[in-house]
């Protein structure tokens, strides 16, 4: 059994049991109009979160995982800078998971003095039916990146893990087949919602190559006026203290050195495998044409070699 199947056999049943609990399944309808970001890991979800967080009307905090994993109130309090007792009490007094999410995120956006909250977790794209049943006004952004580049990045991610107060190498080296299958699963889950006016797809490559125009399209979809403060993303993110060291790229100027990295990182056999598994999806997103031109993006800073 391959590593991905072993992981799902061990992890997914417990998650399905959690999804089936009365507290998670309880009906609820929010009047809020949040922004929900999802997409396969290593597709630029963190960059997009940082971009939205730089807008003066959007509070896009760190990944909370509240839509997709069992809520851990003390961890959530630490990530968002709340007192643990506040989050525990909020959870205890909420009649459903959706009500807790609504109240917790509302508290966060009020503290940040912003009218709209945004939640980014890659796995959100797998939970859109549940999300829209309870947050019917939510605007969803599905960020997509060339699956071959995603596979290259997933292969060794995360490169570091925290041990005590230090980060040490993980030496992860996953099979490309596992990585491209993950991309396929997430992308197919997203495109199943094409036609819903609340759903939008954004290519990572477009965000890198034409940041201003792409963010204007994103803001239009989210029904907020575009703000030039989005162009000052690095300054806003430098001020944050909740970003993990494993994703330092969001604090750096944009660059395109990781676009079409598959050409140098994948063997011919691995490239052929990707085309066999997901060629139809790559073609649908225009990735079988000439690699997008990244010359408009800033060059990679010297210490950084790869993007998210």
C-alpha atoms as a PDB file:
ATOM      1  CA  UNK A   1       0.000   0.000   0.000  1.00  0.00           C
ATOM      2  CA  UNK A   2       1.432   3.385  -0.957  1.00  0.00           C
ATOM      3  CA  UNK A   3       2.023   6.067   1.723  1.00  0.00           C
ATOM      4  CA  UNK A   4      -0.996   8.149   0.699  1.00  0.00           C
ATOM      5  CA  UNK A   5      -3.374   5.199   0.989  1.00  0.00           C
ATOM      6  CA  UNK A   6      -1.899   4.281   4.387  1.00  0.00           C
ATOM      7  CA  UNK A   7      -2.430   7.858   5.555  1.00  0.00           C
ATOM      8  CA  UNK A   8      -6.045   7.944   4.373  1.00  0.00           C
ATOM      9  CA  UNK A   9      -6.775   4.538   5.908  1.00  0.00           C
ATOM     10  CA  UNK A  10      -5.513   5.821   9.266  1.00  0.00           C
ATOM     11  CA  UNK A  11      -6.735   9.423   9.132  1.00  0.00           C
ATOM     12  CA  UNK A  12      -9.847   9.766   6.969  1.00  0.00           C
ATOM     13  CA  UNK A  13     -12.151   7.397   8.930  1.00  0.00           C
ATOM     14  CA  UNK A  14     -11.650   9.456  12.096  1.00  0.00           C
ATOM     15  CA  UNK A  15     -12.328  12.644  10.167  1.00  0.00           C
ATOM     16  CA  UNK A  16     -15.501  11.168   8.663  1.00  0.00           C
ATOM     17  CA  UNK A  17     -16.685  10.253  12.166  1.00  0.00           C
ATOM     18  CA  UNK A  18     -16.076  13.839  13.259  1.00  0.00           C
ATOM     19  CA  UNK A  19     -17.994  15.178  10.259  1.00  0.00           C
ATOM     20  CA  UNK A  20     -20.893  12.896  11.239  1.00  0.00           C
ATOM     21  CA  UNK A  21     -21.252  14.209  14.815  1.00  0.00           C
ATOM     22  CA  UNK A  22     -24.451  16.149  15.620  1.00  0.00           C
ATOM     23  CA  UNK A  23     -22.459  19.294  16.502  1.00  0.00           C
ATOM     24  CA  UNK A  24     -20.840  19.374  13.051  1.00  0.00           C
ATOM     25  CA  UNK A  25     -23.953  18.337  11.129  1.00  0.00           C
ATOM     26  CA  UNK A  26     -26.343  20.697  12.924  1.00  0.00           C
ATOM     27  CA  UNK A  27     -28.113  23.132  10.578  1.00  0.00           C
ATOM     28  CA  UNK A  28     -27.156  26.779  10.718  1.00  0.00           C
ATOM     29  CA  UNK A  29     -27.447  29.730   8.368  1.00  0.00           C
ATOM     30  CA  UNK A  30     -25.051  32.647   8.610  1.00  0.00           C
ATOM     31  CA  UNK A  31     -25.813  36.146   7.359  1.00  0.00           C
ATOM     32  CA  UNK A  32     -22.105  36.893   6.898  1.00  0.00           C
ATOM     33  CA  UNK A  33     -20.399  37.145   3.496  1.00  0.00           C
ATOM     34  CA  UNK A  34     -16.968  35.677   4.220  1.00  0.00           C
ATOM     35  CA  UNK A  35     -14.226  34.845   1.756  1.00  0.00           C
ATOM     36  CA  UNK A  36     -13.174  31.201   1.623  1.00  0.00           C
ATOM     37  CA  UNK A  37      -9.859  30.227   0.044  1.00  0.00           C
ATOM     38  CA  UNK A  38      -8.911  26.684  -0.898  1.00  0.00           C
ATOM     39  CA  UNK A  39      -6.815  24.672  -3.313  1.00  0.00           C
ATOM     40  CA  UNK A  40      -4.241  21.945  -3.322  1.00  0.00           C
ATOM     41  CA  UNK A  41      -1.355  22.443  -0.921  1.00  0.00           C
ATOM     42  CA  UNK A  42       1.646  24.220  -2.499  1.00  0.00           C
ATOM     43  CA  UNK A  43      -0.602  25.981  -5.015  1.00  0.00           C
ATOM     44  CA  UNK A  44      -0.225  29.472  -3.571  1.00  0.00           C
ATOM     45  CA  UNK A  45      -3.017  29.444  -0.985  1.00  0.00           C
ATOM     46  CA  UNK A  46      -0.789  31.172   1.579  1.00  0.00           C
ATOM     47  CA  UNK A  47       0.247  33.843  -0.902  1.00  0.00           C
ATOM     48  CA  UNK A  48      -3.411  34.466  -1.713  1.00  0.00           C
ATOM     49  CA  UNK A  49      -4.288  34.645   1.988  1.00  0.00           C
ATOM     50  CA  UNK A  50      -1.527  37.203   2.532  1.00  0.00           C
ATOM     51  CA  UNK A  51      -2.765  39.181  -0.458  1.00  0.00           C
ATOM     52  CA  UNK A  52      -6.324  39.330   0.870  1.00  0.00           C
ATOM     53  CA  UNK A  53      -5.105  40.150   4.364  1.00  0.00           C
ATOM     54  CA  UNK A  54      -3.363  43.204   2.934  1.00  0.00           C
ATOM     55  CA  UNK A  55      -6.737  44.635   1.905  1.00  0.00           C
ATOM     56  CA  UNK A  56      -7.975  47.125   4.541  1.00  0.00           C
ATOM     57  CA  UNK A  57     -11.452  45.563   4.607  1.00  0.00           C
ATOM     58  CA  UNK A  58     -10.441  41.893   4.908  1.00  0.00           C
ATOM     59  CA  UNK A  59      -9.245  40.045   8.009  1.00  0.00           C
ATOM     60  CA  UNK A  60      -7.492  36.929   6.730  1.00  0.00           C
ATOM     61  CA  UNK A  61      -5.745  35.285   9.646  1.00  0.00           C
ATOM     62  CA  UNK A  62      -3.592  32.162   9.739  1.00  0.00           C
ATOM     63  CA  UNK A  63      -4.982  28.764   8.774  1.00  0.00           C
ATOM     64  CA  UNK A  64      -7.585  27.850  11.377  1.00  0.00           C
ATOM     65  CA  UNK A  65      -8.674  24.523   9.828  1.00  0.00           C
ATOM     66  CA  UNK A  66     -12.083  25.077  11.454  1.00  0.00           C
ATOM     67  CA  UNK A  67     -14.001  23.899   8.389  1.00  0.00           C
ATOM     68  CA  UNK A  68     -11.921  20.797   7.822  1.00  0.00           C
ATOM     69  CA  UNK A  69     -10.441  19.372  11.032  1.00  0.00           C
ATOM     70  CA  UNK A  70     -11.571  18.916  14.613  1.00  0.00           C
ATOM     71  CA  UNK A  71     -11.399  22.215  16.474  1.00  0.00           C
ATOM     72  CA  UNK A  72      -8.665  22.452  19.090  1.00  0.00           C
ATOM     73  CA  UNK A  73      -9.608  25.553  21.092  1.00  0.00           C
ATOM     74  CA  UNK A  74      -6.293  26.112  22.875  1.00  0.00           C
ATOM     75  CA  UNK A  75      -4.302  25.808  19.643  1.00  0.00           C
ATOM     76  CA  UNK A  76      -6.762  28.072  17.856  1.00  0.00           C
ATOM     77  CA  UNK A  77      -6.488  30.655  20.636  1.00  0.00           C
ATOM     78  CA  UNK A  78      -2.701  30.657  20.371  1.00  0.00           C
ATOM     79  CA  UNK A  79      -2.741  31.011  16.577  1.00  0.00           C
ATOM     80  CA  UNK A  80      -5.179  33.921  16.645  1.00  0.00           C
ATOM     81  CA  UNK A  81      -3.975  35.652  19.805  1.00  0.00           C
ATOM     82  CA  UNK A  82      -7.056  35.071  21.960  1.00  0.00           C
ATOM     83  CA  UNK A  83      -7.243  33.907  25.553  1.00  0.00           C
ATOM     84  CA  UNK A  84      -7.818  30.129  25.613  1.00  0.00           C
ATOM     85  CA  UNK A  85     -10.715  30.565  28.031  1.00  0.00           C
ATOM     86  CA  UNK A  86     -12.468  32.857  25.528  1.00  0.00           C
ATOM     87  CA  UNK A  87     -12.298  30.261  22.749  1.00  0.00           C
ATOM     88  CA  UNK A  88     -13.290  27.409  25.073  1.00  0.00           C
ATOM     89  CA  UNK A  89     -16.321  29.360  26.327  1.00  0.00           C
ATOM     90  CA  UNK A  90     -17.284  30.300  22.773  1.00  0.00           C
ATOM     91  CA  UNK A  91     -17.098  26.670  21.734  1.00  0.00           C
ATOM     92  CA  UNK A  92     -19.076  25.480  24.753  1.00  0.00           C
ATOM     93  CA  UNK A  93     -21.828  28.032  24.183  1.00  0.00           C
ATOM     94  CA  UNK A  94     -22.181  27.384  20.441  1.00  0.00           C
ATOM     95  CA  UNK A  95     -24.912  24.997  19.376  1.00  0.00           C
ATOM     96  CA  UNK A  96     -23.054  23.898  16.243  1.00  0.00           C
ATOM     97  CA  UNK A  97     -19.652  24.023  14.587  1.00  0.00           C
ATOM     98  CA  UNK A  98     -20.928  26.552  12.051  1.00  0.00           C
ATOM     99  CA  UNK A  99     -22.200  28.854  14.778  1.00  0.00           C
ATOM    100  CA  UNK A 100     -18.846  28.603  16.551  1.00  0.00           C
ATOM    101  CA  UNK A 101     -16.980  29.443  13.335  1.00  0.00           C
ATOM    102  CA  UNK A 102     -19.278  32.398  12.708  1.00  0.00           C
ATOM    103  CA  UNK A 103     -18.835  33.776  16.235  1.00  0.00           C
ATOM    104  CA  UNK A 104     -15.094  33.127  16.397  1.00  0.00           C
ATOM    105  CA  UNK A 105     -14.342  34.700  13.032  1.00  0.00           C
ATOM    106  CA  UNK A 106     -16.639  37.602  13.826  1.00  0.00           C
ATOM    107  CA  UNK A 107     -14.653  38.237  17.006  1.00  0.00           C
ATOM    108  CA  UNK A 108     -11.442  38.152  14.989  1.00  0.00           C
ATOM    109  CA  UNK A 109     -12.584  40.599  12.304  1.00  0.00           C
ATOM    110  CA  UNK A 110     -13.916  42.995  14.975  1.00  0.00           C
ATOM    111  CA  UNK A 111     -10.597  42.897  16.788  1.00  0.00           C
ATOM    112  CA  UNK A 112      -8.827  43.608  13.483  1.00  0.00           C
ATOM    113  CA  UNK A 113     -11.331  46.418  12.762  1.00  0.00           C
ATOM    114  CA  UNK A 114     -12.285  44.971   9.371  1.00  0.00           C
ATOM    115  CA  UNK A 115     -15.766  44.220   8.038  1.00  0.00           C
ATOM    116  CA  UNK A 116     -15.049  40.911   6.241  1.00  0.00           C
ATOM    117  CA  UNK A 117     -13.403  37.761   7.515  1.00  0.00           C
ATOM    118  CA  UNK A 118     -11.536  35.292   5.337  1.00  0.00           C
ATOM    119  CA  UNK A 119     -10.536  31.714   6.109  1.00  0.00           C
ATOM    120  CA  UNK A 120      -7.833  29.924   4.157  1.00  0.00           C
ATOM    121  CA  UNK A 121      -7.171  26.238   4.478  1.00  0.00           C
ATOM    122  CA  UNK A 122      -6.277  24.184   1.386  1.00  0.00           C
ATOM    123  CA  UNK A 123      -8.775  21.469   2.274  1.00  0.00           C
ATOM    124  CA  UNK A 124     -11.663  23.965   2.203  1.00  0.00           C
ATOM    125  CA  UNK A 125     -12.045  23.136  -1.480  1.00  0.00           C
ATOM    126  CA  UNK A 126     -13.145  19.634  -0.458  1.00  0.00           C
ATOM    127  CA  UNK A 127     -15.831  20.983   1.903  1.00  0.00           C
ATOM    128  CA  UNK A 128     -17.664  23.518  -0.224  1.00  0.00           C
ATOM    129  CA  UNK A 129     -21.048  21.795  -0.014  1.00  0.00           C
ATOM    130  CA  UNK A 130     -20.963  21.897   3.788  1.00  0.00           C
ATOM    131  CA  UNK A 131     -19.657  25.463   3.804  1.00  0.00           C
ATOM    132  CA  UNK A 132     -22.282  26.824   1.421  1.00  0.00           C
ATOM    133  CA  UNK A 133     -25.104  25.064   3.259  1.00  0.00           C
ATOM    134  CA  UNK A 134     -24.224  27.108   6.344  1.00  0.00           C
ATOM    135  CA  UNK A 135     -22.557  30.172   4.836  1.00  0.00           C
ATOM    136  CA  UNK A 136     -24.627  30.672   1.682  1.00  0.00           C
ATOM    137  CA  UNK A 137     -23.197  34.140   0.991  1.00  0.00           C
ATOM    138  CA  UNK A 138     -19.572  32.980   1.101  1.00  0.00           C
ATOM    139  CA  UNK A 139     -17.403  33.901  -1.886  1.00  0.00           C
ATOM    140  CA  UNK A 140     -14.985  31.094  -2.737  1.00  0.00           C
ATOM    141  CA  UNK A 141     -11.611  31.458  -4.429  1.00  0.00           C
ATOM    142  CA  UNK A 142      -9.988  28.275  -5.706  1.00  0.00           C
ATOM    143  CA  UNK A 143      -6.339  28.884  -6.503  1.00  0.00           C
ATOM    144  CA  UNK A 144      -4.852  26.485  -9.042  1.00  0.00           C
ATOM    145  CA  UNK A 145      -1.221  25.965 -10.009  1.00  0.00           C
ATOM    146  CA  UNK A 146       0.320  23.752 -12.691  1.00  0.00           C
ATOM    147  CA  UNK A 147      -0.007  20.283 -11.209  1.00  0.00           C
ATOM    148  CA  UNK A 148       3.506  19.343 -12.226  1.00  0.00           C
ATOM    149  CA  UNK A 149       4.955  22.269 -10.282  1.00  0.00           C
ATOM    150  CA  UNK A 150       2.734  21.385  -7.331  1.00  0.00           C
ATOM    151  CA  UNK A 151       3.993  17.817  -7.444  1.00  0.00           C
ATOM    152  CA  UNK A 152       7.597  19.050  -7.409  1.00  0.00           C
ATOM    153  CA  UNK A 153       6.868  21.130  -4.316  1.00  0.00           C
ATOM    154  CA  UNK A 154       4.777  18.504  -2.513  1.00  0.00           C
ATOM    155  CA  UNK A 155       7.525  15.944  -2.991  1.00  0.00           C
ATOM    156  CA  UNK A 156       9.669  17.452  -0.238  1.00  0.00           C
ATOM    157  CA  UNK A 157       7.101  19.441   1.763  1.00  0.00           C
ATOM    158  CA  UNK A 158       7.421  20.382   4.521  1.00  0.00           C
ATOM    159  CA  UNK A 159      11.187  20.648   4.371  1.00  0.00           C
ATOM    160  CA  UNK A 160      11.377  21.529   8.045  1.00  0.00           C
ATOM    161  CA  UNK A 161       9.475  20.686  11.199  1.00  0.00           C
ATOM    162  CA  UNK A 162       9.511  22.167  14.645  1.00  0.00           C
ATOM    163  CA  UNK A 163      11.322  20.214  17.359  1.00  0.00           C
ATOM    164  CA  UNK A 164      11.192  22.197  20.568  1.00  0.00           C
ATOM    165  CA  UNK A 165      12.287  25.712  19.683  1.00  0.00           C
ATOM    166  CA  UNK A 166      14.137  24.724  16.517  1.00  0.00           C
ATOM    167  CA  UNK A 167      13.272  23.746  12.949  1.00  0.00           C
ATOM    168  CA  UNK A 168      14.994  20.658  11.630  1.00  0.00           C
ATOM    169  CA  UNK A 169      15.018  19.044   8.156  1.00  0.00           C
ATOM    170  CA  UNK A 170      12.353  16.416   7.475  1.00  0.00           C
ATOM    171  CA  UNK A 171      14.102  14.769   4.506  1.00  0.00           C
ATOM    172  CA  UNK A 172      10.699  13.918   3.009  1.00  0.00           C
ATOM    173  CA  UNK A 173      10.799  12.461  -0.512  1.00  0.00           C
ATOM    174  CA  UNK A 174       7.343  11.419  -1.700  1.00  0.00           C
ATOM    175  CA  UNK A 175       6.660   9.625  -4.990  1.00  0.00           C
ATOM    176  CA  UNK A 176       5.532  11.968  -7.766  1.00  0.00           C
ATOM    177  CA  UNK A 177       2.528   9.696  -8.374  1.00  0.00           C
ATOM    178  CA  UNK A 178       1.265  10.421  -4.846  1.00  0.00           C
ATOM    179  CA  UNK A 179       1.758  14.147  -5.298  1.00  0.00           C
ATOM    180  CA  UNK A 180       0.037  14.426  -8.671  1.00  0.00           C
ATOM    181  CA  UNK A 181      -2.884  12.320  -7.403  1.00  0.00           C
ATOM    182  CA  UNK A 182      -3.371  14.787  -4.559  1.00  0.00           C
ATOM    183  CA  UNK A 183      -3.464  17.689  -6.999  1.00  0.00           C
ATOM    184  CA  UNK A 184      -6.000  15.829  -9.145  1.00  0.00           C
ATOM    185  CA  UNK A 185      -8.276  15.210  -6.165  1.00  0.00           C
ATOM    186  CA  UNK A 186      -8.338  18.852  -5.099  1.00  0.00           C
ATOM    187  CA  UNK A 187      -8.708  20.309  -8.578  1.00  0.00           C
ATOM    188  CA  UNK A 188     -11.563  17.982  -9.469  1.00  0.00           C
ATOM    189  CA  UNK A 189     -13.334  18.853  -6.220  1.00  0.00           C
ATOM    190  CA  UNK A 190     -13.115  22.526  -7.111  1.00  0.00           C
ATOM    191  CA  UNK A 191     -14.144  22.441 -10.756  1.00  0.00           C
ATOM    192  CA  UNK A 192     -17.252  20.480  -9.793  1.00  0.00           C
ATOM    193  CA  UNK A 193     -18.608  23.863  -8.655  1.00  0.00           C
ATOM    194  CA  UNK A 194     -18.039  25.698 -11.912  1.00  0.00           C
ATOM    195  CA  UNK A 195     -21.162  27.595 -12.845  1.00  0.00           C
ATOM    196  CA  UNK A 196     -21.855  28.737  -9.280  1.00  0.00           C
ATOM    197  CA  UNK A 197     -21.447  32.518  -9.289  1.00  0.00           C
ATOM    198  CA  UNK A 198     -19.974  32.350  -5.771  1.00  0.00           C
ATOM    199  CA  UNK A 199     -17.047  30.275  -7.049  1.00  0.00           C
ATOM    200  CA  UNK A 200     -13.936  31.650  -8.752  1.00  0.00           C
ATOM    201  CA  UNK A 201     -10.750  30.051 -10.061  1.00  0.00           C
ATOM    202  CA  UNK A 202      -7.444  31.921 -10.018  1.00  0.00           C
ATOM    203  CA  UNK A 203      -4.240  30.596 -11.502  1.00  0.00           C
ATOM    204  CA  UNK A 204      -1.154  31.015  -9.334  1.00  0.00           C
ATOM    205  CA  UNK A 205       0.838  31.864 -12.451  1.00  0.00           C
ATOM    206  CA  UNK A 206      -1.513  34.758 -13.268  1.00  0.00           C
ATOM    207  CA  UNK A 207      -1.218  36.116  -9.734  1.00  0.00           C
ATOM    208  CA  UNK A 208       2.578  36.076 -10.064  1.00  0.00           C
ATOM    209  CA  UNK A 209       2.771  37.495 -13.595  1.00  0.00           C
ATOM    210  CA  UNK A 210       0.087  40.203 -13.334  1.00  0.00           C
ATOM    211  CA  UNK A 211      -0.518  40.772  -9.647  1.00  0.00           C
ATOM    212  CA  UNK A 212      -2.467  44.029  -9.915  1.00  0.00           C
ATOM    213  CA  UNK A 213      -4.909  42.940 -12.607  1.00  0.00           C
ATOM    214  CA  UNK A 214      -5.472  39.559 -10.975  1.00  0.00           C
ATOM    215  CA  UNK A 215      -6.144  41.076  -7.559  1.00  0.00           C
ATOM    216  CA  UNK A 216      -8.643  43.447  -9.161  1.00  0.00           C
ATOM    217  CA  UNK A 217     -10.539  40.448 -10.538  1.00  0.00           C
ATOM    218  CA  UNK A 218     -10.413  38.798  -7.118  1.00  0.00           C
ATOM    219  CA  UNK A 219     -11.749  41.896  -5.378  1.00  0.00           C
ATOM    220  CA  UNK A 220     -14.570  42.186  -7.911  1.00  0.00           C
ATOM    221  CA  UNK A 221     -15.545  38.590  -7.207  1.00  0.00           C
ATOM    222  CA  UNK A 222     -15.466  39.232  -3.454  1.00  0.00           C
ATOM    223  CA  UNK A 223     -17.540  42.392  -3.919  1.00  0.00           C
ATOM    224  CA  UNK A 224     -15.017  44.750  -2.359  1.00  0.00           C
ATOM    225  CA  UNK A 225     -13.365  47.732  -3.959  1.00  0.00           C
ATOM    226  CA  UNK A 226      -9.769  47.124  -4.977  1.00  0.00           C
ATOM    227  CA  UNK A 227      -7.241  48.870  -2.741  1.00  0.00           C
ATOM    228  CA  UNK A 228      -3.650  49.851  -3.612  1.00  0.00           C
ATOM    229  CA  UNK A 229      -2.693  48.589  -0.157  1.00  0.00           C
ATOM    230  CA  UNK A 230      -2.777  45.113  -1.708  1.00  0.00           C
ATOM    231  CA  UNK A 231       0.365  46.115  -3.599  1.00  0.00           C
ATOM    232  CA  UNK A 232       2.112  46.591  -0.243  1.00  0.00           C
ATOM    233  CA  UNK A 233       1.572  42.986   0.784  1.00  0.00           C
ATOM    234  CA  UNK A 234       5.126  42.437   2.057  1.00  0.00           C
ATOM    235  CA  UNK A 235       4.922  45.297   4.569  1.00  0.00           C
ATOM    236  CA  UNK A 236       1.664  44.016   6.038  1.00  0.00           C
ATOM    237  CA  UNK A 237       2.980  40.475   6.347  1.00  0.00           C
ATOM    238  CA  UNK A 238       6.255  41.604   7.901  1.00  0.00           C
ATOM    239  CA  UNK A 239       4.187  42.961  10.787  1.00  0.00           C
ATOM    240  CA  UNK A 240       2.417  39.675  11.440  1.00  0.00           C
ATOM    241  CA  UNK A 241       3.693  37.295  14.083  1.00  0.00           C
ATOM    242  CA  UNK A 242       1.529  34.283  13.249  1.00  0.00           C
ATOM    243  CA  UNK A 243       3.216  33.155  10.017  1.00  0.00           C
ATOM    244  CA  UNK A 244       5.105  29.878  10.250  1.00  0.00           C
ATOM    245  CA  UNK A 245       8.768  29.958   9.302  1.00  0.00           C
ATOM    246  CA  UNK A 246       8.036  27.173   6.805  1.00  0.00           C
ATOM    247  CA  UNK A 247       6.278  29.763   4.605  1.00  0.00           C
ATOM    248  CA  UNK A 248       8.607  32.785   4.587  1.00  0.00           C
ATOM    249  CA  UNK A 249       7.917  33.443   0.890  1.00  0.00           C
ATOM    250  CA  UNK A 250       4.799  35.517   1.607  1.00  0.00           C
ATOM    251  CA  UNK A 251       7.027  38.172   3.172  1.00  0.00           C
ATOM    252  CA  UNK A 252       9.167  38.416   0.034  1.00  0.00           C
ATOM    253  CA  UNK A 253       8.617  40.302  -3.237  1.00  0.00           C
ATOM    254  CA  UNK A 254       6.882  38.270  -5.925  1.00  0.00           C
ATOM    255  CA  UNK A 255       9.048  36.241  -8.257  1.00  0.00           C
ATOM    256  CA  UNK A 256       8.502  33.658 -10.962  1.00  0.00           C
ATOM    257  CA  UNK A 257      11.484  31.339 -10.642  1.00  0.00           C
ATOM    258  CA  UNK A 258       9.278  28.436  -9.547  1.00  0.00           C
ATOM    259  CA  UNK A 259       6.939  28.695 -12.544  1.00  0.00           C
ATOM    260  CA  UNK A 260       7.477  25.676 -14.843  1.00  0.00           C
ATOM    261  CA  UNK A 261      10.042  24.255 -12.429  1.00  0.00           C
ATOM    262  CA  UNK A 262       8.842  20.800 -13.492  1.00  0.00           C
ATOM    263  CA  UNK A 263      10.951  21.158 -16.648  1.00  0.00           C
ATOM    264  CA  UNK A 264      14.123  20.971 -14.587  1.00  0.00           C
ATOM    265  CA  UNK A 265      12.908  18.961 -11.571  1.00  0.00           C
ATOM    266  CA  UNK A 266      10.972  16.078 -13.133  1.00  0.00           C
ATOM    267  CA  UNK A 267      12.517  13.252 -15.089  1.00  0.00           C
ATOM    268  CA  UNK A 268      11.079  12.346 -18.496  1.00  0.00           C
ATOM    269  CA  UNK A 269       9.331   9.362 -16.936  1.00  0.00           C
ATOM    270  CA  UNK A 270       7.811  11.538 -14.226  1.00  0.00           C
ATOM    271  CA  UNK A 271       6.651  14.093 -16.789  1.00  0.00           C
ATOM    272  CA  UNK A 272       5.025  11.295 -18.787  1.00  0.00           C
ATOM    273  CA  UNK A 273       3.330   9.983 -15.641  1.00  0.00           C
ATOM    274  CA  UNK A 274       1.842  13.418 -14.933  1.00  0.00           C
ATOM    275  CA  UNK A 275       0.496  13.690 -18.475  1.00  0.00           C
ATOM    276  CA  UNK A 276      -1.014  10.225 -18.219  1.00  0.00           C
ATOM    277  CA  UNK A 277      -2.731  10.939 -14.904  1.00  0.00           C
ATOM    278  CA  UNK A 278      -3.840  14.574 -15.288  1.00  0.00           C
ATOM    279  CA  UNK A 279      -3.139  15.645 -18.868  1.00  0.00           C
ATOM    280  CA  UNK A 280      -6.797  16.500 -19.440  1.00  0.00           C
ATOM    281  CA  UNK A 281      -6.813  18.809 -16.412  1.00  0.00           C
ATOM    282  CA  UNK A 282      -3.529  20.460 -17.347  1.00  0.00           C
ATOM    283  CA  UNK A 283      -4.951  21.109 -20.794  1.00  0.00           C
ATOM    284  CA  UNK A 284      -8.180  22.527 -19.372  1.00  0.00           C
ATOM    285  CA  UNK A 285      -6.220  25.138 -17.425  1.00  0.00           C
ATOM    286  CA  UNK A 286      -3.923  25.974 -20.327  1.00  0.00           C
ATOM    287  CA  UNK A 287      -0.833  24.338 -18.865  1.00  0.00           C
ATOM    288  CA  UNK A 288      -0.062  22.289 -21.949  1.00  0.00           C
ATOM    289  CA  UNK A 289       0.543  25.474 -23.885  1.00  0.00           C
ATOM    290  CA  UNK A 290       3.897  27.219 -23.643  1.00  0.00           C
ATOM    291  CA  UNK A 291       4.772  27.846 -19.985  1.00  0.00           C
ATOM    292  CA  UNK A 292       3.359  31.192 -18.769  1.00  0.00           C
ATOM    293  CA  UNK A 293       5.714  34.130 -19.151  1.00  0.00           C
ATOM    294  CA  UNK A 294       7.002  35.093 -15.724  1.00  0.00           C
ATOM    295  CA  UNK A 295       9.242  37.906 -16.901  1.00  0.00           C
ATOM    296  CA  UNK A 296       6.954  40.506 -15.340  1.00  0.00           C
ATOM    297  CA  UNK A 297       7.523  39.025 -11.902  1.00  0.00           C
ATOM    298  CA  UNK A 298      10.379  40.201  -9.756  1.00  0.00           C
ATOM    299  CA  UNK A 299      13.485  37.984  -9.747  1.00  0.00           C
ATOM    300  CA  UNK A 300      13.904  35.597  -6.867  1.00  0.00           C
ATOM    301  CA  UNK A 301      15.749  37.104  -3.891  1.00  0.00           C
ATOM    302  CA  UNK A 302      19.154  35.532  -3.381  1.00  0.00           C
ATOM    303  CA  UNK A 303      18.361  33.421  -0.275  1.00  0.00           C
ATOM    304  CA  UNK A 304      15.101  32.078  -1.701  1.00  0.00           C
ATOM    305  CA  UNK A 305      15.087  29.498  -4.475  1.00  0.00           C
ATOM    306  CA  UNK A 306      11.508  28.253  -4.566  1.00  0.00           C
ATOM    307  CA  UNK A 307       8.063  29.781  -4.234  1.00  0.00           C
ATOM    308  CA  UNK A 308       5.154  28.292  -2.342  1.00  0.00           C
END
